[in-house]
Amino acid sequence: QRSHSGLGAKLDEIARGALAVGAMLAEQQQAQLYVLVSAEDDEQYAAGRARAQQWLGQRGAAPRFLRVTGLDVDALLRIAQARRASCLVVPQQSETLHTQALARLLLRIECPLLLAK
């Protein structure tokens, strides 16, 4: 089963945009939506997951969540490959993806990469 990944533990406007796009793509392609929650501890993960789950649940999405720490380009590539992602959705202003990291990701990712506002 193919997957779409949205990224964001804080549900600011940018993260909500990425989650909305990921949920829409997953629904259209009948794929599982994976949400990556960047968290250093269980409490931070639980809070980020709860916010995303509530927001997505109100929109009828049933995502699976993955806790990630130290998220970087290599981690994103490993996750996308392991989940056989058909698309990776990332907030445009992600703390993880500065210009050089984004360029590396674009060169190495095997599925479409969508930057969501």
Protein backbone atom coordinates (compact mmCIF):
# COMPACT_ATOMS: atom_id res chain seq x y z
CA GLN A 1 0.00 0.00 0.00
CA ARG A 2 1.33 3.43 -0.95
CA SER A 3 1.59 6.23 1.57
CA HIS A 4 1.65 10.00 1.82
CA SER A 5 3.55 11.75 4.56
CA GLY A 6 2.80 15.10 6.11
CA LEU A 7 5.23 16.61 8.53
CA GLY A 8 4.61 18.76 11.58
CA ALA A 9 4.17 18.44 15.32
CA LYS A 10 3.01 22.03 15.75
CA LEU A 11 -0.19 22.69 13.92
CA ASP A 12 0.61 26.13 12.69
CA GLU A 13 -0.85 27.28 9.39
CA ILE A 14 2.02 25.81 7.37
CA ALA A 15 1.80 22.38 9.03
CA ARG A 16 -1.98 22.33 8.59
CA GLY A 17 -1.46 23.04 4.90
CA ALA A 18 0.91 20.09 4.57
CA LEU A 19 -1.47 17.81 6.47
CA ALA A 20 -4.42 18.92 4.35
CA VAL A 21 -2.53 18.24 1.11
CA GLY A 22 -1.30 14.87 2.39
CA ALA A 23 -4.80 13.85 3.47
CA MET A 24 -6.28 14.93 0.13
CA LEU A 25 -3.67 12.98 -1.86
CA ALA A 26 -4.07 9.89 0.30
CA GLU A 27 -7.84 9.97 -0.14
CA GLN A 28 -7.63 10.48 -3.89
CA GLN A 29 -5.18 7.64 -4.35
CA GLN A 30 -6.72 5.42 -1.67
CA ALA A 31 -3.38 5.32 0.12
CA GLN A 32 -2.43 5.27 3.79
CA LEU A 33 -1.51 8.70 5.20
CA TYR A 34 1.57 8.69 7.44
CA VAL A 35 2.20 11.74 9.59
CA LEU A 36 5.73 12.22 10.86
CA VAL A 37 5.82 13.84 14.28
CA SER A 38 9.22 15.22 15.22
CA ALA A 39 9.58 14.84 19.00
CA GLU A 40 12.42 14.47 21.46
CA ASP A 41 10.33 12.72 24.15
CA ASP A 42 7.07 10.84 24.67
CA GLU A 43 5.22 13.90 25.99
CA GLN A 44 6.12 16.04 22.98
CA TYR A 45 5.16 13.19 20.63
CA ALA A 46 1.81 12.60 22.35
CA ALA A 47 0.95 16.31 22.19
CA GLY A 48 1.90 16.63 18.51
CA ARG A 49 0.09 13.46 17.59
CA ALA A 50 -3.06 14.50 19.48
CA ARG A 51 -3.20 17.87 17.70
CA ALA A 52 -2.69 16.32 14.27
CA GLN A 53 -5.11 13.46 14.96
CA GLN A 54 -7.84 15.84 16.12
CA TRP A 55 -7.37 18.16 13.15
CA LEU A 56 -7.25 15.34 10.60
CA GLY A 57 -10.04 13.39 12.30
CA GLN A 58 -12.37 16.36 11.86
CA ARG A 59 -11.68 16.04 8.14
CA GLY A 60 -12.34 12.31 7.99
CA ALA A 61 -8.68 11.23 7.67
CA ALA A 62 -7.34 8.19 9.53
CA PRO A 63 -3.56 8.62 9.52
CA ARG A 64 -0.85 6.47 11.00
CA PHE A 65 1.77 8.30 13.00
CA LEU A 66 5.52 7.88 13.12
CA ARG A 67 7.68 9.47 15.79
CA VAL A 68 10.92 10.82 14.44
CA THR A 69 13.86 12.46 16.16
CA GLY A 70 16.77 14.22 14.57
CA LEU A 71 14.89 14.43 11.31
CA ASP A 72 17.14 15.20 8.36
CA VAL A 73 17.30 14.44 4.66
CA ASP A 74 18.66 10.93 5.18
CA ALA A 75 15.89 10.15 7.68
CA LEU A 76 13.22 11.43 5.28
CA LEU A 77 14.67 9.30 2.49
CA ARG A 78 14.75 6.17 4.69
CA ILE A 79 11.16 6.70 5.83
CA ALA A 80 9.87 7.37 2.32
CA GLN A 81 11.62 4.28 0.99
CA ALA A 82 10.56 2.01 3.88
CA ARG A 83 6.91 3.08 3.54
CA ARG A 84 7.03 2.96 -0.27
CA ALA A 85 5.72 6.51 -0.30
CA SER A 86 4.04 7.63 -3.49
CA CYS A 87 4.53 11.25 -2.43
CA LEU A 88 6.26 13.13 0.38
CA VAL A 89 4.49 16.29 1.53
CA VAL A 90 6.61 18.73 3.53
CA PRO A 91 5.75 22.19 4.88
CA GLN A 92 7.44 24.79 2.68
CA GLN A 93 9.06 26.49 5.66
CA SER A 94 10.18 23.31 7.39
CA GLU A 95 12.94 23.70 9.98
CA THR A 96 14.41 20.48 8.61
CA LEU A 97 14.70 21.57 5.02
CA HIS A 98 16.84 24.61 4.48
CA THR A 99 17.87 25.35 0.88
CA GLN A 100 20.86 22.96 0.69
CA ALA A 101 18.99 20.12 2.41
CA LEU A 102 16.02 20.60 0.09
CA ALA A 103 18.30 20.43 -2.94
CA ARG A 104 19.82 17.15 -1.65
CA LEU A 105 16.36 15.73 -1.02
CA LEU A 106 15.17 16.66 -4.50
CA LEU A 107 18.15 14.91 -6.05
CA ARG A 108 17.79 11.71 -4.04
CA ILE A 109 14.07 11.14 -3.40
CA GLU A 110 12.44 8.46 -5.55
CA CYS A 111 8.89 9.75 -5.25
CA PRO A 112 7.33 13.15 -5.92
CA LEU A 113 8.08 15.81 -3.31
CA LEU A 114 5.41 18.40 -2.64
CA LEU A 115 6.13 21.58 -0.70
CA ALA A 116 2.89 22.77 0.90
CA LYS A 117 2.12 26.30 2.04
